[in-house]
Amino acid sequence: MTPIALATAFLLTVTLCYVAVCAGSPFGTCRKCNGFGFATTTDRKGRPKRGKRCRRCKGRGKRVRIGRWLFNRAQRIYREGTH
C-alpha cells in the first residue's frame, strides 16, 4: 500500500469512529471542571472544598461534543433553508 492510501485510510477510519462516538454519546464531560459541575478549591487546612459553579457547562458537568454541535448546526441551517 502506498503511503498516501494508508494515510487516507487512517484518516477515514478515525473520522468514522468519531462520528460513531458523537452519534452514540453526544455529550462528554466538561474539560474545565472534569464533570463535577463546579471548581474545586482547598481551604486553609488543605481539604478540598466546593467552589463556584462552572460557567462553561453551567453546573451540569456535561458538554456537547464538537462533532455533534456541528451536526446540529448543519441540520438547523438545512431545516431553515427548506422552509
N, C-alpha and C. Protein backbone atom coordinates (compact mmCIF):
# COMPACT_ATOMS: atom_id res chain seq x y z
N MET A 1 0.84 -1.18 0.00
CA MET A 1 0.00 0.00 0.00
C MET A 1 0.88 1.25 0.00
N THR A 2 0.49 2.22 -0.78
CA THR A 2 1.27 3.45 -0.83
C THR A 2 1.02 4.27 0.43
N PRO A 3 1.96 5.12 0.78
CA PRO A 3 1.78 5.93 2.00
C PRO A 3 0.56 6.86 1.94
N ILE A 4 0.24 7.37 0.76
CA ILE A 4 -0.92 8.27 0.64
C ILE A 4 -2.21 7.50 0.88
N ALA A 5 -2.31 6.31 0.31
CA ALA A 5 -3.51 5.49 0.51
C ALA A 5 -3.63 5.06 1.97
N LEU A 6 -2.51 4.76 2.60
CA LEU A 6 -2.52 4.38 4.01
C LEU A 6 -2.97 5.54 4.89
N ALA A 7 -2.46 6.73 4.60
CA ALA A 7 -2.85 7.91 5.37
C ALA A 7 -4.34 8.23 5.17
N THR A 8 -4.83 8.08 3.94
CA THR A 8 -6.23 8.32 3.66
C THR A 8 -7.12 7.32 4.40
N ALA A 9 -6.72 6.06 4.38
CA ALA A 9 -7.49 5.04 5.08
C ALA A 9 -7.50 5.30 6.59
N PHE A 10 -6.38 5.72 7.13
CA PHE A 10 -6.29 6.02 8.56
C PHE A 10 -7.20 7.19 8.93
N LEU A 11 -7.15 8.27 8.15
CA LEU A 11 -7.99 9.43 8.43
C LEU A 11 -9.47 9.09 8.30
N LEU A 12 -9.82 8.28 7.32
CA LEU A 12 -11.21 7.87 7.15
C LEU A 12 -11.68 7.02 8.33
N THR A 13 -10.83 6.15 8.82
CA THR A 13 -11.17 5.32 9.98
C THR A 13 -11.35 6.17 11.23
N VAL A 14 -10.46 7.10 11.45
CA VAL A 14 -10.57 7.98 12.63
C VAL A 14 -11.84 8.81 12.56
N THR A 15 -12.15 9.34 11.39
CA THR A 15 -13.35 10.16 11.21
C THR A 15 -14.60 9.35 11.46
N LEU A 16 -14.67 8.16 10.92
CA LEU A 16 -15.87 7.32 11.11
C LEU A 16 -16.02 6.91 12.57
N CYS A 17 -14.92 6.66 13.26
CA CYS A 17 -15.00 6.33 14.69
C CYS A 17 -15.51 7.51 15.50
N TYR A 18 -15.06 8.73 15.17
CA TYR A 18 -15.53 9.92 15.89
C TYR A 18 -17.01 10.17 15.61
N VAL A 19 -17.44 9.94 14.38
CA VAL A 19 -18.86 10.09 14.05
C VAL A 19 -19.69 9.10 14.86
N ALA A 20 -19.20 7.88 15.01
CA ALA A 20 -19.92 6.88 15.80
C ALA A 20 -19.99 7.29 17.27
N VAL A 21 -18.91 7.86 17.80
CA VAL A 21 -18.92 8.32 19.20
C VAL A 21 -19.91 9.46 19.37
N CYS A 22 -19.93 10.41 18.43
CA CYS A 22 -20.84 11.55 18.53
C CYS A 22 -22.30 11.10 18.41
N ALA A 23 -22.56 10.08 17.59
CA ALA A 23 -23.94 9.59 17.45
C ALA A 23 -24.36 8.80 18.69
N GLY A 24 -23.47 8.02 19.23
CA GLY A 24 -23.81 7.18 20.38
C GLY A 24 -23.83 7.93 21.69
N SER A 25 -22.91 8.87 21.86
CA SER A 25 -22.83 9.63 23.10
C SER A 25 -22.56 11.09 22.76
N PRO A 26 -23.62 11.88 22.51
CA PRO A 26 -23.43 13.26 22.07
C PRO A 26 -22.87 14.19 23.14
N PHE A 27 -22.89 13.79 24.40
CA PHE A 27 -22.39 14.63 25.48
C PHE A 27 -21.14 14.02 26.08
N GLY A 28 -20.15 14.86 26.35
CA GLY A 28 -18.92 14.43 27.01
C GLY A 28 -18.76 15.21 28.29
N THR A 29 -17.80 14.80 29.11
CA THR A 29 -17.59 15.52 30.36
C THR A 29 -16.93 16.88 30.07
N CYS A 30 -17.24 17.83 30.88
CA CYS A 30 -16.69 19.17 30.73
C CYS A 30 -15.19 19.13 31.02
N ARG A 31 -14.42 19.77 30.16
CA ARG A 31 -12.96 19.76 30.33
C ARG A 31 -12.50 20.71 31.42
N LYS A 32 -13.30 21.72 31.71
CA LYS A 32 -12.87 22.70 32.70
C LYS A 32 -13.07 22.20 34.13
N CYS A 33 -14.21 21.56 34.40
CA CYS A 33 -14.50 21.12 35.77
C CYS A 33 -14.39 19.60 35.93
N ASN A 34 -13.98 18.89 34.90
CA ASN A 34 -13.83 17.42 34.92
C ASN A 34 -15.12 16.70 35.28
N GLY A 35 -16.25 17.26 34.90
CA GLY A 35 -17.53 16.61 35.13
C GLY A 35 -18.14 16.84 36.50
N PHE A 36 -17.51 17.62 37.35
CA PHE A 36 -18.06 17.89 38.68
C PHE A 36 -19.18 18.93 38.63
N GLY A 37 -19.08 19.89 37.71
CA GLY A 37 -20.05 20.97 37.64
C GLY A 37 -19.65 22.17 38.46
N PHE A 38 -18.53 22.07 39.15
CA PHE A 38 -18.03 23.18 39.95
C PHE A 38 -16.51 23.07 40.05
N ALA A 39 -15.89 24.17 40.35
CA ALA A 39 -14.44 24.18 40.54
C ALA A 39 -14.13 23.72 41.95
N THR A 40 -13.08 22.93 42.11
CA THR A 40 -12.69 22.50 43.45
C THR A 40 -11.55 23.39 43.93
N THR A 41 -11.67 23.83 45.14
CA THR A 41 -10.62 24.63 45.77
C THR A 41 -10.26 23.96 47.09
N THR A 42 -9.28 24.50 47.76
CA THR A 42 -8.90 23.95 49.07
C THR A 42 -9.06 25.04 50.12
N ASP A 43 -9.39 24.61 51.32
CA ASP A 43 -9.48 25.57 52.41
C ASP A 43 -8.09 25.75 53.03
N ARG A 44 -8.02 26.47 54.14
CA ARG A 44 -6.71 26.76 54.73
C ARG A 44 -6.02 25.53 55.29
N LYS A 45 -6.80 24.50 55.60
CA LYS A 45 -6.22 23.27 56.13
C LYS A 45 -5.80 22.30 55.03
N GLY A 46 -6.10 22.63 53.78
CA GLY A 46 -5.71 21.79 52.66
C GLY A 46 -6.77 20.79 52.23
N ARG A 47 -7.95 20.85 52.86
CA ARG A 47 -9.03 19.94 52.49
C ARG A 47 -9.76 20.48 51.27
N PRO A 48 -10.20 19.59 50.37
CA PRO A 48 -10.93 20.08 49.19
C PRO A 48 -12.29 20.63 49.58
N LYS A 49 -12.69 21.68 48.90
CA LYS A 49 -13.99 22.28 49.18
C LYS A 49 -14.62 22.71 47.85
N ARG A 50 -15.93 22.72 47.84
CA ARG A 50 -16.67 23.06 46.64
C ARG A 50 -16.50 24.54 46.32
N GLY A 51 -16.21 24.82 45.04
CA GLY A 51 -16.02 26.20 44.61
C GLY A 51 -17.23 26.71 43.85
N LYS A 52 -16.99 27.62 42.94
CA LYS A 52 -18.06 28.23 42.15
C LYS A 52 -18.59 27.27 41.10
N ARG A 53 -19.79 27.54 40.63
CA ARG A 53 -20.41 26.77 39.57
C ARG A 53 -19.64 27.00 38.26
N CYS A 54 -19.44 25.96 37.49
CA CYS A 54 -18.70 26.06 36.24
C CYS A 54 -19.50 26.87 35.21
N ARG A 55 -18.87 27.86 34.61
CA ARG A 55 -19.57 28.69 33.64
C ARG A 55 -19.66 28.02 32.28
N ARG A 56 -18.71 27.16 31.95
CA ARG A 56 -18.70 26.53 30.64
C ARG A 56 -19.86 25.56 30.47
N CYS A 57 -20.10 24.72 31.49
CA CYS A 57 -21.17 23.71 31.39
C CYS A 57 -22.40 24.10 32.20
N LYS A 58 -22.39 25.28 32.81
CA LYS A 58 -23.49 25.80 33.63
C LYS A 58 -23.83 24.88 34.81
N GLY A 59 -22.83 24.22 35.35
CA GLY A 59 -23.02 23.39 36.53
C GLY A 59 -23.54 21.99 36.25
N ARG A 60 -23.67 21.62 35.00
CA ARG A 60 -24.20 20.30 34.66
C ARG A 60 -23.11 19.23 34.62
N GLY A 61 -21.89 19.60 34.30
CA GLY A 61 -20.79 18.65 34.22
C GLY A 61 -20.67 18.00 32.85
N LYS A 62 -21.59 18.29 31.95
CA LYS A 62 -21.57 17.71 30.60
C LYS A 62 -21.54 18.83 29.58
N ARG A 63 -20.99 18.54 28.41
CA ARG A 63 -20.96 19.50 27.31
C ARG A 63 -21.28 18.76 26.01
N VAL A 64 -21.72 19.46 25.00
CA VAL A 64 -21.99 18.87 23.71
C VAL A 64 -20.66 18.72 22.98
N ARG A 65 -20.43 17.56 22.39
CA ARG A 65 -19.20 17.34 21.64
C ARG A 65 -19.17 18.23 20.40
N ILE A 66 -17.98 18.54 19.93
CA ILE A 66 -17.82 19.44 18.79
C ILE A 66 -18.47 18.88 17.53
N GLY A 67 -18.29 17.60 17.29
CA GLY A 67 -18.88 16.97 16.12
C GLY A 67 -20.40 17.01 16.15
N ARG A 68 -20.98 16.77 17.32
CA ARG A 68 -22.43 16.82 17.46
C ARG A 68 -22.93 18.24 17.31
N TRP A 69 -22.17 19.23 17.82
CA TRP A 69 -22.55 20.63 17.69
C TRP A 69 -22.57 21.03 16.22
N LEU A 70 -21.56 20.60 15.45
CA LEU A 70 -21.52 20.90 14.01
C LEU A 70 -22.68 20.23 13.28
N PHE A 71 -22.99 18.98 13.64
CA PHE A 71 -24.11 18.29 13.02
C PHE A 71 -25.42 19.00 13.31
N ASN A 72 -25.64 19.39 14.56
CA ASN A 72 -26.86 20.11 14.93
C ASN A 72 -26.97 21.43 14.18
N ARG A 73 -25.86 22.14 14.06
CA ARG A 73 -25.87 23.42 13.36
C ARG A 73 -26.20 23.24 11.88
N ALA A 74 -25.60 22.24 11.24
CA ALA A 74 -25.87 21.97 9.82
C ALA A 74 -27.33 21.56 9.61
N GLN A 75 -27.84 20.76 10.53
CA GLN A 75 -29.23 20.33 10.43
C GLN A 75 -30.18 21.51 10.59
N ARG A 76 -29.88 22.42 11.50
CA ARG A 76 -30.72 23.59 11.72
C ARG A 76 -30.70 24.51 10.49
N ILE A 77 -29.54 24.72 9.89
CA ILE A 77 -29.43 25.57 8.70
C ILE A 77 -30.20 24.95 7.54
N TYR A 78 -30.10 23.64 7.39
CA TYR A 78 -30.83 22.96 6.30
C TYR A 78 -32.34 23.09 6.50
N ARG A 79 -32.79 22.88 7.74
CA ARG A 79 -34.23 22.97 8.03
C ARG A 79 -34.75 24.37 7.77
N GLU A 80 -34.00 25.39 8.20
CA GLU A 80 -34.45 26.77 7.98
C GLU A 80 -34.41 27.15 6.51
N GLY A 81 -33.50 26.55 5.75
CA GLY A 81 -33.39 26.87 4.33
C GLY A 81 -34.45 26.23 3.48
N THR A 82 -35.03 25.13 3.93
CA THR A 82 -36.04 24.44 3.13
C THR A 82 -37.45 24.92 3.42
N HIS A 83 -37.63 25.70 4.49
CA HIS A 83 -38.98 26.19 4.79
C HIS A 83 -39.31 27.41 4.00
